[in-house]
Amino acid sequence: MTTTPSLLLRGGAGSVLRFEGGGPVTLRRTDKEHRIPLAAIQLVHAEGRSVAIVLSAPEGTEPRIYRVTDVSEAAALAFADAVTAALPAEPAPDGAALVTTFALADPPPRATRNWIVGGVVAAVLVAVDVFVALRAPKGEYAFGFLMALVFGGIGAFMIHLAGVETYRQWHLPRHGITVMGEFSHYTNNRKVYRFTDATGGRHTYTTTSGPDRIELAYDPRDPRRVVHPAGPYERIGIAFVTLLGCGIAGGSLYALGAILFVTVKG
């Protein structure tokens, strides 16, 4: 008598794929858990560091696919082999109808941790500013220290925004899934487009302008990460914001260093 193994895959964006052996395959994301009976699965395909669970579908319709990426290649192959060996001879006609989805309780918000870290950093910076006010040759140095912090934060924020957008513009069109977004309606003078991901989920993308249909590239691990591939003028704008942020942040760091040096030197 052979025992079906119990396997677990941890992928990107907090996704967890689990197979207990004989029972359903469960896919847990950050906000939902999908329970996929073996009878609903047409095939399980491992390719590199990703696993795709393809559901059975009526003839003439697109099958629903659940995909987990950023896993070990060896683990992906072992998972696909184990589930494939447990599949029934004939899958159900419509696998998507057998899948049950549960909303998960919200995990401890990252915002809470960010506030704690931000509070600690702010306390340290206030302590340093008090030190500058007490030790610096001129009282204006404390005000200058605060202004350098403010402008440094603005520069860092600009670099962060431009860096995230640059990464998405490079990564998603190459490694994501590209679909056509259909114009839906206006919201606050912005155009809202709707698109459907590979699992059948519906999402929106908002931008200032565009035709009735636009290309959208999204992250299959998190379809909320979506971009409209930028044109040359948009790329120039992103590059300009990045350079401006670097200049502001660099000048602010220099000012902070100069003020601290003068303060410590006395």
C-alpha atoms as a PDB file:
ATOM      1  CA  MET A   1       0.000   0.000   0.000  1.00  0.00           C
ATOM      2  CA  THR A   2       1.479   3.344  -1.092  1.00  0.00           C
ATOM      3  CA  THR A   3       0.991   6.570   0.781  1.00  0.00           C
ATOM      4  CA  THR A   4       0.281   9.786  -1.086  1.00  0.00           C
ATOM      5  CA  PRO A   5       2.691  12.466   0.159  1.00  0.00           C
ATOM      6  CA  SER A   6       1.605  15.680   1.832  1.00  0.00           C
ATOM      7  CA  LEU A   7       3.221  18.599   0.051  1.00  0.00           C
ATOM      8  CA  LEU A   8       3.315  22.353   0.521  1.00  0.00           C
ATOM      9  CA  LEU A   9       4.643  25.032  -1.811  1.00  0.00           C
ATOM     10  CA  ARG A  10       5.259  28.622  -0.742  1.00  0.00           C
ATOM     11  CA  GLY A  11       5.294  31.003  -3.657  1.00  0.00           C
ATOM     12  CA  GLY A  12       5.513  34.703  -4.255  1.00  0.00           C
ATOM     13  CA  ALA A  13       3.169  37.329  -2.793  1.00  0.00           C
ATOM     14  CA  GLY A  14       2.355  35.081   0.175  1.00  0.00           C
ATOM     15  CA  SER A  15       0.681  32.325  -1.861  1.00  0.00           C
ATOM     16  CA  VAL A  16       0.661  28.799  -0.398  1.00  0.00           C
ATOM     17  CA  LEU A  17      -0.261  25.666  -2.371  1.00  0.00           C
ATOM     18  CA  ARG A  18      -1.020  22.557  -0.301  1.00  0.00           C
ATOM     19  CA  PHE A  19      -1.862  18.930  -1.114  1.00  0.00           C
ATOM     20  CA  GLU A  20      -2.563  16.590   1.771  1.00  0.00           C
ATOM     21  CA  GLY A  21      -2.919  13.463  -0.350  1.00  0.00           C
ATOM     22  CA  GLY A  22      -6.328  12.271  -1.511  1.00  0.00           C
ATOM     23  CA  GLY A  23      -8.020  15.473  -0.390  1.00  0.00           C
ATOM     24  CA  PRO A  24      -8.499  18.709  -2.306  1.00  0.00           C
ATOM     25  CA  VAL A  25      -5.663  20.949  -3.373  1.00  0.00           C
ATOM     26  CA  THR A  26      -5.821  24.216  -1.461  1.00  0.00           C
ATOM     27  CA  LEU A  27      -4.430  27.499  -2.709  1.00  0.00           C
ATOM     28  CA  ARG A  28      -4.170  30.225  -0.088  1.00  0.00           C
ATOM     29  CA  ARG A  29      -3.535  33.798  -1.121  1.00  0.00           C
ATOM     30  CA  THR A  30      -3.357  36.866   1.092  1.00  0.00           C
ATOM     31  CA  ASP A  31      -7.124  37.436   1.016  1.00  0.00           C
ATOM     32  CA  LYS A  32      -8.710  34.163  -0.178  1.00  0.00           C
ATOM     33  CA  GLU A  33      -8.396  30.404  -0.008  1.00  0.00           C
ATOM     34  CA  HIS A  34      -9.431  28.207  -2.941  1.00  0.00           C
ATOM     35  CA  ARG A  35     -10.232  24.539  -2.322  1.00  0.00           C
ATOM     36  CA  ILE A  36      -9.879  22.589  -5.548  1.00  0.00           C
ATOM     37  CA  PRO A  37     -11.223  19.000  -5.592  1.00  0.00           C
ATOM     38  CA  LEU A  38      -9.148  16.513  -7.550  1.00  0.00           C
ATOM     39  CA  ALA A  39     -12.135  15.870  -9.821  1.00  0.00           C
ATOM     40  CA  ALA A  40     -12.001  19.514 -10.920  1.00  0.00           C
ATOM     41  CA  ILE A  41      -8.415  19.297 -12.179  1.00  0.00           C
ATOM     42  CA  GLN A  42      -7.623  18.546 -15.800  1.00  0.00           C
ATOM     43  CA  LEU A  43      -3.864  18.623 -15.360  1.00  0.00           C
ATOM     44  CA  VAL A  44      -1.068  20.030 -13.208  1.00  0.00           C
ATOM     45  CA  HIS A  45       1.856  21.537 -15.072  1.00  0.00           C
ATOM     46  CA  ALA A  46       5.238  22.427 -13.579  1.00  0.00           C
ATOM     47  CA  GLU A  47       7.496  24.687 -15.598  1.00  0.00           C
ATOM     48  CA  GLY A  48      10.641  26.057 -14.034  1.00  0.00           C
ATOM     49  CA  ARG A  49       9.760  27.773 -10.780  1.00  0.00           C
ATOM     50  CA  SER A  50       5.998  27.809 -11.327  1.00  0.00           C
ATOM     51  CA  VAL A  51       3.094  25.393 -10.993  1.00  0.00           C
ATOM     52  CA  ALA A  52      -0.159  25.759 -12.933  1.00  0.00           C
ATOM     53  CA  ILE A  53      -3.339  23.920 -11.969  1.00  0.00           C
ATOM     54  CA  VAL A  54      -5.589  23.757 -15.030  1.00  0.00           C
ATOM     55  CA  LEU A  55      -9.238  23.013 -14.332  1.00  0.00           C
ATOM     56  CA  SER A  56     -11.507  21.032 -16.600  1.00  0.00           C
ATOM     57  CA  ALA A  57     -13.885  23.138 -18.688  1.00  0.00           C
ATOM     58  CA  PRO A  58     -16.803  22.566 -21.042  1.00  0.00           C
ATOM     59  CA  GLU A  59     -15.854  22.279 -24.675  1.00  0.00           C
ATOM     60  CA  GLY A  60     -15.359  25.633 -26.331  1.00  0.00           C
ATOM     61  CA  THR A  61     -14.623  27.541 -23.124  1.00  0.00           C
ATOM     62  CA  GLU A  62     -11.323  28.680 -21.641  1.00  0.00           C
ATOM     63  CA  PRO A  63     -10.242  26.655 -18.604  1.00  0.00           C
ATOM     64  CA  ARG A  64      -9.582  28.400 -15.334  1.00  0.00           C
ATOM     65  CA  ILE A  65      -5.937  28.288 -14.273  1.00  0.00           C
ATOM     66  CA  TYR A  66      -4.483  28.735 -10.795  1.00  0.00           C
ATOM     67  CA  ARG A  67      -0.789  29.552 -10.908  1.00  0.00           C
ATOM     68  CA  VAL A  68       1.857  29.810  -8.186  1.00  0.00           C
ATOM     69  CA  THR A  69       5.303  31.174  -9.014  1.00  0.00           C
ATOM     70  CA  ASP A  70       8.673  31.669  -7.325  1.00  0.00           C
ATOM     71  CA  VAL A  71       8.845  28.130  -5.936  1.00  0.00           C
ATOM     72  CA  SER A  72      11.662  25.593  -6.001  1.00  0.00           C
ATOM     73  CA  GLU A  73      11.921  23.770  -9.344  1.00  0.00           C
ATOM     74  CA  ALA A  74      12.355  20.411  -7.648  1.00  0.00           C
ATOM     75  CA  ALA A  75       9.396  21.082  -5.337  1.00  0.00           C
ATOM     76  CA  ALA A  76       7.258  22.164  -8.287  1.00  0.00           C
ATOM     77  CA  LEU A  77       7.965  18.905 -10.138  1.00  0.00           C
ATOM     78  CA  ALA A  78       7.313  16.802  -7.036  1.00  0.00           C
ATOM     79  CA  PHE A  79       4.036  18.607  -6.386  1.00  0.00           C
ATOM     80  CA  ALA A  80       2.849  18.201  -9.983  1.00  0.00           C
ATOM     81  CA  ASP A  81       3.750  14.496 -10.010  1.00  0.00           C
ATOM     82  CA  ALA A  82       2.004  13.830  -6.684  1.00  0.00           C
ATOM     83  CA  VAL A  83      -1.228  15.555  -7.656  1.00  0.00           C
ATOM     84  CA  THR A  84      -1.221  14.051 -11.151  1.00  0.00           C
ATOM     85  CA  ALA A  85      -0.863  10.554  -9.696  1.00  0.00           C
ATOM     86  CA  ALA A  86      -3.921  11.145  -7.487  1.00  0.00           C
ATOM     87  CA  LEU A  87      -6.218  12.519 -10.217  1.00  0.00           C
ATOM     88  CA  PRO A  88      -9.266  10.475 -11.188  1.00  0.00           C
ATOM     89  CA  ALA A  89      -9.389   8.868 -14.620  1.00  0.00           C
ATOM     90  CA  GLU A  90     -12.064  11.292 -15.822  1.00  0.00           C
ATOM     91  CA  PRO A  91     -12.357  14.852 -14.478  1.00  0.00           C
ATOM     92  CA  ALA A  92     -15.684  16.585 -13.944  1.00  0.00           C
ATOM     93  CA  PRO A  93     -17.123  18.406 -16.976  1.00  0.00           C
ATOM     94  CA  ASP A  94     -16.808  21.846 -15.357  1.00  0.00           C
ATOM     95  CA  GLY A  95     -14.070  22.008 -12.742  1.00  0.00           C
ATOM     96  CA  ALA A  96     -14.620  25.679 -11.891  1.00  0.00           C
ATOM     97  CA  ALA A  97     -18.093  24.835 -10.557  1.00  0.00           C
ATOM     98  CA  LEU A  98     -16.561  22.504  -7.958  1.00  0.00           C
ATOM     99  CA  VAL A  99     -14.054  24.997  -6.537  1.00  0.00           C
ATOM    100  CA  THR A 100     -15.017  26.663  -3.280  1.00  0.00           C
ATOM    101  CA  THR A 101     -13.505  29.996  -2.303  1.00  0.00           C
ATOM    102  CA  PHE A 102     -13.339  31.441   1.211  1.00  0.00           C
ATOM    103  CA  ALA A 103     -12.476  34.970   2.229  1.00  0.00           C
ATOM    104  CA  LEU A 104      -9.732  35.057   4.844  1.00  0.00           C
ATOM    105  CA  ALA A 105      -9.547  37.270   7.864  1.00  0.00           C
ATOM    106  CA  ASP A 106      -7.250  40.186   7.240  1.00  0.00           C
ATOM    107  CA  PRO A 107      -3.706  39.465   8.456  1.00  0.00           C
ATOM    108  CA  PRO A 108      -2.066  41.880  10.857  1.00  0.00           C
ATOM    109  CA  PRO A 109      -1.773  44.989   8.677  1.00  0.00           C
ATOM    110  CA  ARG A 110       1.636  45.935   7.438  1.00  0.00           C
ATOM    111  CA  ALA A 111       0.636  49.526   8.065  1.00  0.00           C
ATOM    112  CA  THR A 112       0.755  48.866  11.816  1.00  0.00           C
ATOM    113  CA  ARG A 113       4.342  47.658  11.609  1.00  0.00           C
ATOM    114  CA  ASN A 114       5.213  50.603   9.397  1.00  0.00           C
ATOM    115  CA  TRP A 115       3.778  53.000  11.970  1.00  0.00           C
ATOM    116  CA  ILE A 116       5.828  51.401  14.742  1.00  0.00           C
ATOM    117  CA  VAL A 117       9.037  51.587  12.718  1.00  0.00           C
ATOM    118  CA  GLY A 118       8.200  55.135  11.659  1.00  0.00           C
ATOM    119  CA  GLY A 119       7.608  56.129  15.267  1.00  0.00           C
ATOM    120  CA  VAL A 120      10.976  54.760  16.351  1.00  0.00           C
ATOM    121  CA  VAL A 121      12.773  56.522  13.494  1.00  0.00           C
ATOM    122  CA  ALA A 122      10.956  59.782  14.242  1.00  0.00           C
ATOM    123  CA  ALA A 123      11.935  59.562  17.923  1.00  0.00           C
ATOM    124  CA  VAL A 124      15.591  59.073  16.987  1.00  0.00           C
ATOM    125  CA  LEU A 125      15.512  62.015  14.562  1.00  0.00           C
ATOM    126  CA  VAL A 126      13.878  64.274  17.155  1.00  0.00           C
ATOM    127  CA  ALA A 127      16.569  63.303  19.656  1.00  0.00           C
ATOM    128  CA  VAL A 128      19.285  64.122  17.112  1.00  0.00           C
ATOM    129  CA  ASP A 129      17.637  67.478  16.341  1.00  0.00           C
ATOM    130  CA  VAL A 130      17.555  68.332  20.068  1.00  0.00           C
ATOM    131  CA  PHE A 131      21.239  67.412  20.255  1.00  0.00           C
ATOM    132  CA  VAL A 132      21.955  69.756  17.326  1.00  0.00           C
ATOM    133  CA  ALA A 133      19.937  72.548  18.956  1.00  0.00           C
ATOM    134  CA  LEU A 134      21.930  72.211  22.201  1.00  0.00           C
ATOM    135  CA  ARG A 135      25.405  71.658  20.770  1.00  0.00           C
ATOM    136  CA  ALA A 136      25.566  73.492  17.448  1.00  0.00           C
ATOM    137  CA  PRO A 137      27.312  76.884  17.315  1.00  0.00           C
ATOM    138  CA  LYS A 138      24.119  78.512  15.991  1.00  0.00           C
ATOM    139  CA  GLY A 139      20.508  77.800  16.891  1.00  0.00           C
ATOM    140  CA  GLU A 140      19.489  77.993  13.217  1.00  0.00           C
ATOM    141  CA  TYR A 141      21.285  74.706  12.630  1.00  0.00           C
ATOM    142  CA  ALA A 142      18.435  72.805  14.295  1.00  0.00           C
ATOM    143  CA  PHE A 143      15.932  74.360  11.865  1.00  0.00           C
ATOM    144  CA  GLY A 144      18.277  73.593   8.980  1.00  0.00           C
ATOM    145  CA  PHE A 145      18.506  69.987  10.159  1.00  0.00           C
ATOM    146  CA  LEU A 146      14.689  69.695  10.114  1.00  0.00           C
ATOM    147  CA  MET A 147      14.437  71.249   6.655  1.00  0.00           C
ATOM    148  CA  ALA A 148      17.114  68.903   5.321  1.00  0.00           C
ATOM    149  CA  LEU A 149      15.116  65.965   6.734  1.00  0.00           C
ATOM    150  CA  VAL A 150      11.927  67.197   5.058  1.00  0.00           C
ATOM    151  CA  PHE A 151      13.554  67.661   1.660  1.00  0.00           C
ATOM    152  CA  GLY A 152      15.416  64.381   2.021  1.00  0.00           C
ATOM    153  CA  GLY A 153      12.105  62.628   2.673  1.00  0.00           C
ATOM    154  CA  ILE A 154      10.566  64.278  -0.396  1.00  0.00           C
ATOM    155  CA  GLY A 155      13.501  63.171  -2.536  1.00  0.00           C
ATOM    156  CA  ALA A 156      13.373  59.614  -1.179  1.00  0.00           C
ATOM    157  CA  PHE A 157       9.613  59.464  -1.821  1.00  0.00           C
ATOM    158  CA  MET A 158      10.106  60.592  -5.425  1.00  0.00           C
ATOM    159  CA  ILE A 159      12.831  57.978  -5.937  1.00  0.00           C
ATOM    160  CA  HIS A 160      10.583  55.292  -4.428  1.00  0.00           C
ATOM    161  CA  LEU A 161       7.610  56.124  -6.650  1.00  0.00           C
ATOM    162  CA  ALA A 162       9.708  56.344  -9.801  1.00  0.00           C
ATOM    163  CA  GLY A 163      11.665  53.199  -8.886  1.00  0.00           C
ATOM    164  CA  VAL A 164       8.525  51.132  -8.321  1.00  0.00           C
ATOM    165  CA  GLU A 165       7.004  52.350 -11.580  1.00  0.00           C
ATOM    166  CA  THR A 166      10.247  51.723 -13.486  1.00  0.00           C
ATOM    167  CA  TYR A 167      10.448  48.168 -12.144  1.00  0.00           C
ATOM    168  CA  ARG A 168       6.825  47.437 -13.011  1.00  0.00           C
ATOM    169  CA  GLN A 169       7.222  48.913 -16.491  1.00  0.00           C
ATOM    170  CA  TRP A 170      10.220  46.669 -17.079  1.00  0.00           C
ATOM    171  CA  HIS A 171       9.050  43.508 -15.278  1.00  0.00           C
ATOM    172  CA  LEU A 172       5.332  43.136 -15.947  1.00  0.00           C
ATOM    173  CA  PRO A 173       5.314  43.378 -19.774  1.00  0.00           C
ATOM    174  CA  ARG A 174       8.099  40.745 -19.866  1.00  0.00           C
ATOM    175  CA  HIS A 175       7.095  38.368 -17.067  1.00  0.00           C
ATOM    176  CA  GLY A 176       3.433  39.157 -16.442  1.00  0.00           C
ATOM    177  CA  ILE A 177       0.299  38.519 -18.470  1.00  0.00           C
ATOM    178  CA  THR A 178      -0.818  41.058 -21.054  1.00  0.00           C
ATOM    179  CA  VAL A 179      -4.532  41.534 -21.731  1.00  0.00           C
ATOM    180  CA  MET A 180      -6.729  44.176 -23.312  1.00  0.00           C
ATOM    181  CA  GLY A 181      -8.527  46.533 -20.953  1.00  0.00           C
ATOM    182  CA  GLU A 182     -11.962  47.828 -21.952  1.00  0.00           C
ATOM    183  CA  PHE A 183     -13.052  51.352 -21.039  1.00  0.00           C
ATOM    184  CA  SER A 184     -15.828  51.218 -18.422  1.00  0.00           C
ATOM    185  CA  HIS A 185     -16.570  54.677 -17.010  1.00  0.00           C
ATOM    186  CA  TYR A 186     -15.131  57.919 -15.640  1.00  0.00           C
ATOM    187  CA  THR A 187     -14.270  58.505 -11.985  1.00  0.00           C
ATOM    188  CA  ASN A 188     -13.171  62.006 -10.914  1.00  0.00           C
ATOM    189  CA  ASN A 189     -12.178  62.843 -14.506  1.00  0.00           C
ATOM    190  CA  ARG A 190     -10.118  59.652 -14.737  1.00  0.00           C
ATOM    191  CA  LYS A 191     -10.836  56.769 -17.091  1.00  0.00           C
ATOM    192  CA  VAL A 192     -11.543  53.374 -15.537  1.00  0.00           C
ATOM    193  CA  TYR A 193     -10.774  50.237 -17.532  1.00  0.00           C
ATOM    194  CA  ARG A 194     -11.893  46.692 -16.714  1.00  0.00           C
ATOM    195  CA  PHE A 195     -10.000  43.491 -17.450  1.00  0.00           C
ATOM    196  CA  THR A 196     -10.288  39.804 -16.577  1.00  0.00           C
ATOM    197  CA  ASP A 197      -7.326  37.795 -15.274  1.00  0.00           C
ATOM    198  CA  ALA A 198      -6.459  34.202 -16.129  1.00  0.00           C
ATOM    199  CA  THR A 199      -8.512  32.837 -13.227  1.00  0.00           C
ATOM    200  CA  GLY A 200     -11.655  34.708 -14.229  1.00  0.00           C
ATOM    201  CA  GLY A 201     -11.314  37.499 -11.670  1.00  0.00           C
ATOM    202  CA  ARG A 202     -12.367  40.987 -12.751  1.00  0.00           C
ATOM    203  CA  HIS A 203     -10.234  44.034 -11.976  1.00  0.00           C
ATOM    204  CA  THR A 204     -10.000  47.713 -12.799  1.00  0.00           C
ATOM    205  CA  TYR A 205      -7.209  50.034 -13.889  1.00  0.00           C
ATOM    206  CA  THR A 206      -7.451  53.822 -13.682  1.00  0.00           C
ATOM    207  CA  THR A 207      -5.548  56.344 -15.767  1.00  0.00           C
ATOM    208  CA  THR A 208      -5.912  59.919 -16.934  1.00  0.00           C
ATOM    209  CA  SER A 209      -6.467  59.257 -20.643  1.00  0.00           C
ATOM    210  CA  GLY A 210      -6.442  56.607 -23.329  1.00  0.00           C
ATOM    211  CA  PRO A 211      -8.494  55.007 -26.108  1.00  0.00           C
ATOM    212  CA  ASP A 212     -11.416  52.657 -25.514  1.00  0.00           C
ATOM    213  CA  ARG A 213      -9.102  49.610 -25.457  1.00  0.00           C
ATOM    214  CA  ILE A 214      -5.576  49.595 -24.052  1.00  0.00           C
ATOM    215  CA  GLU A 215      -2.901  47.004 -23.342  1.00  0.00           C
ATOM    216  CA  LEU A 216      -2.498  46.115 -19.676  1.00  0.00           C
ATOM    217  CA  ALA A 217       0.207  43.896 -18.176  1.00  0.00           C
ATOM    218  CA  TYR A 218      -0.495  42.430 -14.744  1.00  0.00           C
ATOM    219  CA  ASP A 219       1.281  40.243 -12.209  1.00  0.00           C
ATOM    220  CA  PRO A 220      -0.366  36.768 -12.171  1.00  0.00           C
ATOM    221  CA  ARG A 221       0.490  36.470  -8.454  1.00  0.00           C
ATOM    222  CA  ASP A 222      -1.349  39.708  -7.694  1.00  0.00           C
ATOM    223  CA  PRO A 223      -3.506  41.083 -10.536  1.00  0.00           C
ATOM    224  CA  ARG A 224      -3.840  44.355  -8.636  1.00  0.00           C
ATOM    225  CA  ARG A 225      -0.292  45.092  -9.808  1.00  0.00           C
ATOM    226  CA  VAL A 226      -0.980  46.279 -13.322  1.00  0.00           C
ATOM    227  CA  VAL A 227       0.553  48.792 -15.727  1.00  0.00           C
ATOM    228  CA  HIS A 228      -0.172  50.231 -19.108  1.00  0.00           C
ATOM    229  CA  PRO A 229       3.176  49.917 -20.975  1.00  0.00           C
ATOM    230  CA  ALA A 230       4.669  53.403 -21.068  1.00  0.00           C
ATOM    231  CA  GLY A 231       5.477  55.282 -24.232  1.00  0.00           C
ATOM    232  CA  PRO A 232       8.709  57.236 -24.834  1.00  0.00           C
ATOM    233  CA  TYR A 233       7.429  60.488 -23.301  1.00  0.00           C
ATOM    234  CA  GLU A 234       6.247  58.703 -20.167  1.00  0.00           C
ATOM    235  CA  ARG A 235       9.649  57.034 -19.832  1.00  0.00           C
ATOM    236  CA  ILE A 236      11.321  60.439 -20.070  1.00  0.00           C
ATOM    237  CA  GLY A 237       8.992  61.737 -17.359  1.00  0.00           C
ATOM    238  CA  ILE A 238       9.812  58.809 -15.055  1.00  0.00           C
ATOM    239  CA  ALA A 239      13.544  59.319 -15.648  1.00  0.00           C
ATOM    240  CA  PHE A 240      13.218  63.051 -14.894  1.00  0.00           C
ATOM    241  CA  VAL A 241      11.391  62.388 -11.592  1.00  0.00           C
ATOM    242  CA  THR A 242      14.063  59.845 -10.639  1.00  0.00           C
ATOM    243  CA  LEU A 243      16.938  62.250 -11.347  1.00  0.00           C
ATOM    244  CA  LEU A 244      15.180  65.117  -9.554  1.00  0.00           C
ATOM    245  CA  GLY A 245      14.551  62.915  -6.516  1.00  0.00           C
ATOM    246  CA  CYS A 246      18.184  61.816  -6.496  1.00  0.00           C
ATOM    247  CA  GLY A 247      19.337  65.432  -6.613  1.00  0.00           C
ATOM    248  CA  ILE A 248      17.055  66.505  -3.760  1.00  0.00           C
ATOM    249  CA  ALA A 249      17.922  63.496  -1.608  1.00  0.00           C
ATOM    250  CA  GLY A 250      21.651  63.822  -2.304  1.00  0.00           C
ATOM    251  CA  GLY A 251      21.709  67.534  -1.442  1.00  0.00           C
ATOM    252  CA  SER A 252      19.753  66.883   1.741  1.00  0.00           C
ATOM    253  CA  LEU A 253      22.114  64.124   2.848  1.00  0.00           C
ATOM    254  CA  TYR A 254      25.064  66.424   2.265  1.00  0.00           C
ATOM    255  CA  ALA A 255      23.398  69.152   4.364  1.00  0.00           C
ATOM    256  CA  LEU A 256      22.607  66.690   7.158  1.00  0.00           C
ATOM    257  CA  GLY A 257      26.168  65.433   7.186  1.00  0.00           C
ATOM    258  CA  ALA A 258      27.589  68.968   7.250  1.00  0.00           C
ATOM    259  CA  ILE A 259      25.326  70.031  10.126  1.00  0.00           C
ATOM    260  CA  LEU A 260      26.166  66.933  12.189  1.00  0.00           C
ATOM    261  CA  PHE A 261      29.890  67.407  11.521  1.00  0.00           C
ATOM    262  CA  VAL A 262      29.807  71.024  12.693  1.00  0.00           C
ATOM    263  CA  THR A 263      27.705  70.063  15.724  1.00  0.00           C
ATOM    264  CA  VAL A 264      29.995  67.234  16.844  1.00  0.00           C
ATOM    265  CA  LYS A 265      33.083  69.325  16.187  1.00  0.00           C
ATOM    266  CA  GLY A 266      31.583  72.110  18.282  1.00  0.00           C
END
